[in-house]
């Protein structure tokens, strides 16, 4: 049976994958994309929060 930690881990993983895909598809420069992706991967929760607040936005 999966505990609360397991469920939170899966949620963070899914959100990190979503963030990386959005960063990859953004109009930011390659170096900025690389930095953001590294932040999200190396610091999953903190990087995700930073990306959400400060990261590259898609211009729709």
PDB file of N, CA and C in Angstrom:
ATOM      1  N   UNK A   1       0.841  -1.185   0.000  1.00  0.00           N
ATOM      2  CA  UNK A   1       0.000   0.000   0.000  1.00  0.00           C
ATOM      3  C   UNK A   1       0.884   1.246   0.000  1.00  0.00           C
ATOM      4  N   UNK A   2       0.488   2.238  -0.786  1.00  0.00           N
ATOM      5  CA  UNK A   2       1.268   3.454  -0.935  1.00  0.00           C
ATOM      6  C   UNK A   2       0.867   4.478   0.118  1.00  0.00           C
ATOM      7  N   UNK A   3       1.869   5.008   0.824  1.00  0.00           N
ATOM      8  CA  UNK A   3       1.604   6.010   1.842  1.00  0.00           C
ATOM      9  C   UNK A   3       1.523   7.399   1.249  1.00  0.00           C
ATOM     10  N   UNK A   4       1.345   8.360   2.110  1.00  0.00           N
ATOM     11  CA  UNK A   4       1.234   9.756   1.679  1.00  0.00           C
ATOM     12  C   UNK A   4       2.497  10.224   0.972  1.00  0.00           C
ATOM     13  N   UNK A   5       3.670   9.778   1.458  1.00  0.00           N
ATOM     14  CA  UNK A   5       4.926  10.167   0.828  1.00  0.00           C
ATOM     15  C   UNK A   5       4.998   9.672  -0.612  1.00  0.00           C
ATOM     16  N   UNK A   6       4.531   8.467  -0.853  1.00  0.00           N
ATOM     17  CA  UNK A   6       4.536   7.911  -2.198  1.00  0.00           C
ATOM     18  C   UNK A   6       3.634   8.674  -3.142  1.00  0.00           C
ATOM     19  N   UNK A   7       2.465   9.034  -2.664  1.00  0.00           N
ATOM     20  CA  UNK A   7       1.516   9.790  -3.481  1.00  0.00           C
ATOM     21  C   UNK A   7       2.079  11.177  -3.787  1.00  0.00           C
ATOM     22  N   UNK A   8       2.653  11.839  -2.774  1.00  0.00           N
ATOM     23  CA  UNK A   8       3.243  13.158  -3.004  1.00  0.00           C
ATOM     24  C   UNK A   8       4.426  13.065  -3.968  1.00  0.00           C
ATOM     25  N   UNK A   9       5.203  12.001  -3.867  1.00  0.00           N
ATOM     26  CA  UNK A   9       6.322  11.798  -4.781  1.00  0.00           C
ATOM     27  C   UNK A   9       5.861  11.661  -6.221  1.00  0.00           C
ATOM     28  N   UNK A  10       4.791  10.906  -6.429  1.00  0.00           N
ATOM     29  CA  UNK A  10       4.246  10.733  -7.775  1.00  0.00           C
ATOM     30  C   UNK A  10       3.703  12.061  -8.310  1.00  0.00           C
ATOM     31  N   UNK A  11       3.041  12.833  -7.461  1.00  0.00           N
ATOM     32  CA  UNK A  11       2.508  14.133  -7.877  1.00  0.00           C
ATOM     33  C   UNK A  11       3.647  15.061  -8.292  1.00  0.00           C
ATOM     34  N   UNK A  12       4.715  15.103  -7.493  1.00  0.00           N
ATOM     35  CA  UNK A  12       5.868  15.950  -7.828  1.00  0.00           C
ATOM     36  C   UNK A  12       6.503  15.484  -9.133  1.00  0.00           C
ATOM     37  N   UNK A  13       6.630  14.177  -9.324  1.00  0.00           N
ATOM     38  CA  UNK A  13       7.200  13.638 -10.552  1.00  0.00           C
ATOM     39  C   UNK A  13       6.377  14.051 -11.774  1.00  0.00           C
ATOM     40  N   UNK A  14       5.073  13.909 -11.692  1.00  0.00           N
ATOM     41  CA  UNK A  14       4.192  14.276 -12.808  1.00  0.00           C
ATOM     42  C   UNK A  14       4.294  15.781 -13.094  1.00  0.00           C
ATOM     43  N   UNK A  15       4.302  16.606 -12.043  1.00  0.00           N
ATOM     44  CA  UNK A  15       4.414  18.051 -12.240  1.00  0.00           C
ATOM     45  C   UNK A  15       5.776  18.434 -12.818  1.00  0.00           C
ATOM     46  N   UNK A  16       6.827  17.748 -12.402  1.00  0.00           N
ATOM     47  CA  UNK A  16       8.153  18.012 -12.955  1.00  0.00           C
ATOM     48  C   UNK A  16       8.212  17.653 -14.438  1.00  0.00           C
ATOM     49  N   UNK A  17       7.628  16.544 -14.812  1.00  0.00           N
ATOM     50  CA  UNK A  17       7.590  16.157 -16.229  1.00  0.00           C
ATOM     51  C   UNK A  17       6.799  17.191 -17.028  1.00  0.00           C
ATOM     52  N   UNK A  18       5.687  17.637 -16.482  1.00  0.00           N
ATOM     53  CA  UNK A  18       4.886  18.674 -17.131  1.00  0.00           C
ATOM     54  C   UNK A  18       5.708  19.955 -17.307  1.00  0.00           C
ATOM     55  N   UNK A  19       6.436  20.349 -16.261  1.00  0.00           N
ATOM     56  CA  UNK A  19       7.259  21.560 -16.321  1.00  0.00           C
ATOM     57  C   UNK A  19       8.342  21.427 -17.382  1.00  0.00           C
ATOM     58  N   UNK A  20       9.041  20.291 -17.411  1.00  0.00           N
ATOM     59  CA  UNK A  20      10.110  20.094 -18.396  1.00  0.00           C
ATOM     60  C   UNK A  20       9.554  20.157 -19.812  1.00  0.00           C
ATOM     61  N   UNK A  21       8.416  19.542 -20.050  1.00  0.00           N
ATOM     62  CA  UNK A  21       7.810  19.589 -21.382  1.00  0.00           C
ATOM     63  C   UNK A  21       7.423  21.017 -21.768  1.00  0.00           C
ATOM     64  N   UNK A  22       6.877  21.771 -20.817  1.00  0.00           N
ATOM     65  CA  UNK A  22       6.512  23.159 -21.103  1.00  0.00           C
ATOM     66  C   UNK A  22       7.740  24.024 -21.330  1.00  0.00           C
ATOM     67  N   UNK A  23       8.791  23.782 -20.569  1.00  0.00           N
ATOM     68  CA  UNK A  23      10.030  24.531 -20.769  1.00  0.00           C
ATOM     69  C   UNK A  23      10.578  24.237 -22.160  1.00  0.00           C
ATOM     70  N   UNK A  24      10.592  22.971 -22.527  1.00  0.00           N
ATOM     71  CA  UNK A  24      11.116  22.566 -23.837  1.00  0.00           C
ATOM     72  C   UNK A  24      10.339  23.229 -24.969  1.00  0.00           C
ATOM     73  N   UNK A  25       9.036  23.402 -24.810  1.00  0.00           N
ATOM     74  CA  UNK A  25       8.191  23.969 -25.858  1.00  0.00           C
ATOM     75  C   UNK A  25       8.116  25.494 -25.812  1.00  0.00           C
ATOM     76  N   UNK A  26       8.728  26.113 -24.819  1.00  0.00           N
ATOM     77  CA  UNK A  26       8.642  27.565 -24.690  1.00  0.00           C
ATOM     78  C   UNK A  26       9.489  28.260 -25.756  1.00  0.00           C
ATOM     79  N   UNK A  27       9.312  29.559 -25.856  1.00  0.00           N
ATOM     80  CA  UNK A  27      10.058  30.341 -26.836  1.00  0.00           C
ATOM     81  C   UNK A  27      11.365  30.887 -26.260  1.00  0.00           C
ATOM     82  N   UNK A  28      11.750  30.450 -25.081  1.00  0.00           N
ATOM     83  CA  UNK A  28      12.987  30.912 -24.449  1.00  0.00           C
ATOM     84  C   UNK A  28      14.199  30.417 -25.233  1.00  0.00           C
ATOM     85  N   UNK A  29      15.331  31.062 -25.000  1.00  0.00           N
ATOM     86  CA  UNK A  29      16.563  30.644 -25.666  1.00  0.00           C
ATOM     87  C   UNK A  29      16.991  29.262 -25.158  1.00  0.00           C
ATOM     88  N   UNK A  30      17.851  28.626 -25.920  1.00  0.00           N
ATOM     89  CA  UNK A  30      18.308  27.284 -25.575  1.00  0.00           C
ATOM     90  C   UNK A  30      19.016  27.268 -24.230  1.00  0.00           C
ATOM     91  N   UNK A  31      19.826  28.263 -23.943  1.00  0.00           N
ATOM     92  CA  UNK A  31      20.553  28.292 -22.671  1.00  0.00           C
ATOM     93  C   UNK A  31      19.589  28.461 -21.494  1.00  0.00           C
ATOM     94  N   UNK A  32      18.577  29.298 -21.659  1.00  0.00           N
ATOM     95  CA  UNK A  32      17.581  29.468 -20.593  1.00  0.00           C
ATOM     96  C   UNK A  32      16.787  28.180 -20.377  1.00  0.00           C
ATOM     97  N   UNK A  33      16.433  27.513 -21.463  1.00  0.00           N
ATOM     98  CA  UNK A  33      15.726  26.239 -21.348  1.00  0.00           C
ATOM     99  C   UNK A  33      16.578  25.229 -20.586  1.00  0.00           C
ATOM    100  N   UNK A  34      17.869  25.175 -20.935  1.00  0.00           N
ATOM    101  CA  UNK A  34      18.769  24.235 -20.282  1.00  0.00           C
ATOM    102  C   UNK A  34      18.878  24.515 -18.791  1.00  0.00           C
ATOM    103  N   UNK A  35      18.995  25.782 -18.430  1.00  0.00           N
ATOM    104  CA  UNK A  35      19.096  26.153 -17.018  1.00  0.00           C
ATOM    105  C   UNK A  35      17.818  25.794 -16.275  1.00  0.00           C
ATOM    106  N   UNK A  36      16.665  26.107 -16.850  1.00  0.00           N
ATOM    107  CA  UNK A  36      15.391  25.803 -16.191  1.00  0.00           C
ATOM    108  C   UNK A  36      15.187  24.293 -16.036  1.00  0.00           C
ATOM    109  N   UNK A  37      15.499  23.546 -17.077  1.00  0.00           N
ATOM    110  CA  UNK A  37      15.336  22.093 -17.001  1.00  0.00           C
ATOM    111  C   UNK A  37      16.263  21.516 -15.931  1.00  0.00           C
ATOM    112  N   UNK A  38      17.506  22.002 -15.876  1.00  0.00           N
ATOM    113  CA  UNK A  38      18.441  21.531 -14.846  1.00  0.00           C
ATOM    114  C   UNK A  38      17.924  21.862 -13.453  1.00  0.00           C
ATOM    115  N   UNK A  39      17.381  23.057 -13.267  1.00  0.00           N
ATOM    116  CA  UNK A  39      16.820  23.441 -11.969  1.00  0.00           C
ATOM    117  C   UNK A  39      15.673  22.524 -11.558  1.00  0.00           C
ATOM    118  N   UNK A  40      14.781  22.268 -12.488  1.00  0.00           N
ATOM    119  CA  UNK A  40      13.614  21.428 -12.178  1.00  0.00           C
ATOM    120  C   UNK A  40      14.042  19.993 -11.870  1.00  0.00           C
ATOM    121  N   UNK A  41      15.042  19.494 -12.579  1.00  0.00           N
ATOM    122  CA  UNK A  41      15.481  18.114 -12.362  1.00  0.00           C
ATOM    123  C   UNK A  41      16.301  17.980 -11.075  1.00  0.00           C
ATOM    124  N   UNK A  42      17.209  18.938 -10.840  1.00  0.00           N
ATOM    125  CA  UNK A  42      18.091  18.841  -9.675  1.00  0.00           C
ATOM    126  C   UNK A  42      17.399  19.226  -8.366  1.00  0.00           C
ATOM    127  N   UNK A  43      16.441  20.128  -8.427  1.00  0.00           N
ATOM    128  CA  UNK A  43      15.698  20.575  -7.246  1.00  0.00           C
ATOM    129  C   UNK A  43      14.207  20.419  -7.527  1.00  0.00           C
ATOM    130  N   UNK A  44      13.696  19.191  -7.471  1.00  0.00           N
ATOM    131  CA  UNK A  44      12.339  18.929  -7.970  1.00  0.00           C
ATOM    132  C   UNK A  44      11.245  19.847  -7.414  1.00  0.00           C
ATOM    133  N   UNK A  45      11.172  20.026  -6.116  1.00  0.00           N
ATOM    134  CA  UNK A  45      10.081  20.833  -5.559  1.00  0.00           C
ATOM    135  C   UNK A  45      10.404  22.319  -5.696  1.00  0.00           C
ATOM    136  N   UNK A  46      11.587  22.731  -5.243  1.00  0.00           N
ATOM    137  CA  UNK A  46      11.975  24.138  -5.305  1.00  0.00           C
ATOM    138  C   UNK A  46      12.070  24.622  -6.753  1.00  0.00           C
ATOM    139  N   UNK A  47      12.651  23.810  -7.625  1.00  0.00           N
ATOM    140  CA  UNK A  47      12.759  24.168  -9.043  1.00  0.00           C
ATOM    141  C   UNK A  47      11.394  24.321  -9.690  1.00  0.00           C
ATOM    142  N   UNK A  48      10.470  23.452  -9.315  1.00  0.00           N
ATOM    143  CA  UNK A  48       9.108  23.520  -9.847  1.00  0.00           C
ATOM    144  C   UNK A  48       8.422  24.813  -9.414  1.00  0.00           C
ATOM    145  N   UNK A  49       8.594  25.178  -8.156  1.00  0.00           N
ATOM    146  CA  UNK A  49       7.995  26.415  -7.648  1.00  0.00           C
ATOM    147  C   UNK A  49       8.597  27.626  -8.353  1.00  0.00           C
ATOM    148  N   UNK A  50       9.937  27.641  -8.483  1.00  0.00           N
ATOM    149  CA  UNK A  50      10.592  28.745  -9.181  1.00  0.00           C
ATOM    150  C   UNK A  50      10.133  28.842 -10.630  1.00  0.00           C
ATOM    151  N   UNK A  51      10.049  27.685 -11.307  1.00  0.00           N
ATOM    152  CA  UNK A  51       9.594  27.687 -12.701  1.00  0.00           C
ATOM    153  C   UNK A  51       8.176  28.242 -12.801  1.00  0.00           C
ATOM    154  N   UNK A  52       7.311  27.822 -11.895  1.00  0.00           N
ATOM    155  CA  UNK A  52       5.926  28.284 -11.925  1.00  0.00           C
ATOM    156  C   UNK A  52       5.850  29.799 -11.745  1.00  0.00           C
ATOM    157  N   UNK A  53       6.671  30.340 -10.850  1.00  0.00           N
ATOM    158  CA  UNK A  53       6.625  31.772 -10.564  1.00  0.00           C
ATOM    159  C   UNK A  53       7.412  32.621 -11.558  1.00  0.00           C
ATOM    160  N   UNK A  54       8.575  32.122 -12.010  1.00  0.00           N
ATOM    161  CA  UNK A  54       9.483  32.958 -12.779  1.00  0.00           C
ATOM    162  C   UNK A  54       9.846  32.422 -14.157  1.00  0.00           C
ATOM    163  N   UNK A  55       9.439  31.226 -14.458  1.00  0.00           N
ATOM    164  CA  UNK A  55       9.898  30.556 -15.676  1.00  0.00           C
ATOM    165  C   UNK A  55       9.332  31.118 -16.961  1.00  0.00           C
ATOM    166  N   UNK A  56       9.861  30.615 -18.091  1.00  0.00           N
ATOM    167  CA  UNK A  56       9.403  31.081 -19.398  1.00  0.00           C
ATOM    168  C   UNK A  56       7.938  30.740 -19.625  1.00  0.00           C
ATOM    169  N   UNK A  57       7.221  31.666 -20.170  1.00  0.00           N
ATOM    170  CA  UNK A  57       5.790  31.481 -20.435  1.00  0.00           C
ATOM    171  C   UNK A  57       5.575  31.292 -21.927  1.00  0.00           C
ATOM    172  N   UNK A  58       4.609  30.455 -22.263  1.00  0.00           N
ATOM    173  CA  UNK A  58       4.221  30.302 -23.671  1.00  0.00           C
ATOM    174  C   UNK A  58       3.360  31.483 -24.075  1.00  0.00           C
ATOM    175  N   UNK A  59       3.651  32.023 -25.218  1.00  0.00           N
ATOM    176  CA  UNK A  59       2.841  33.138 -25.729  1.00  0.00           C
ATOM    177  C   UNK A  59       1.785  32.578 -26.657  1.00  0.00           C
ATOM    178  N   UNK A  60       0.564  32.477 -26.136  1.00  0.00           N
ATOM    179  CA  UNK A  60      -0.520  31.885 -26.922  1.00  0.00           C
ATOM    180  C   UNK A  60      -1.333  32.944 -27.614  1.00  0.00           C
TER     181      UNK A  60
END
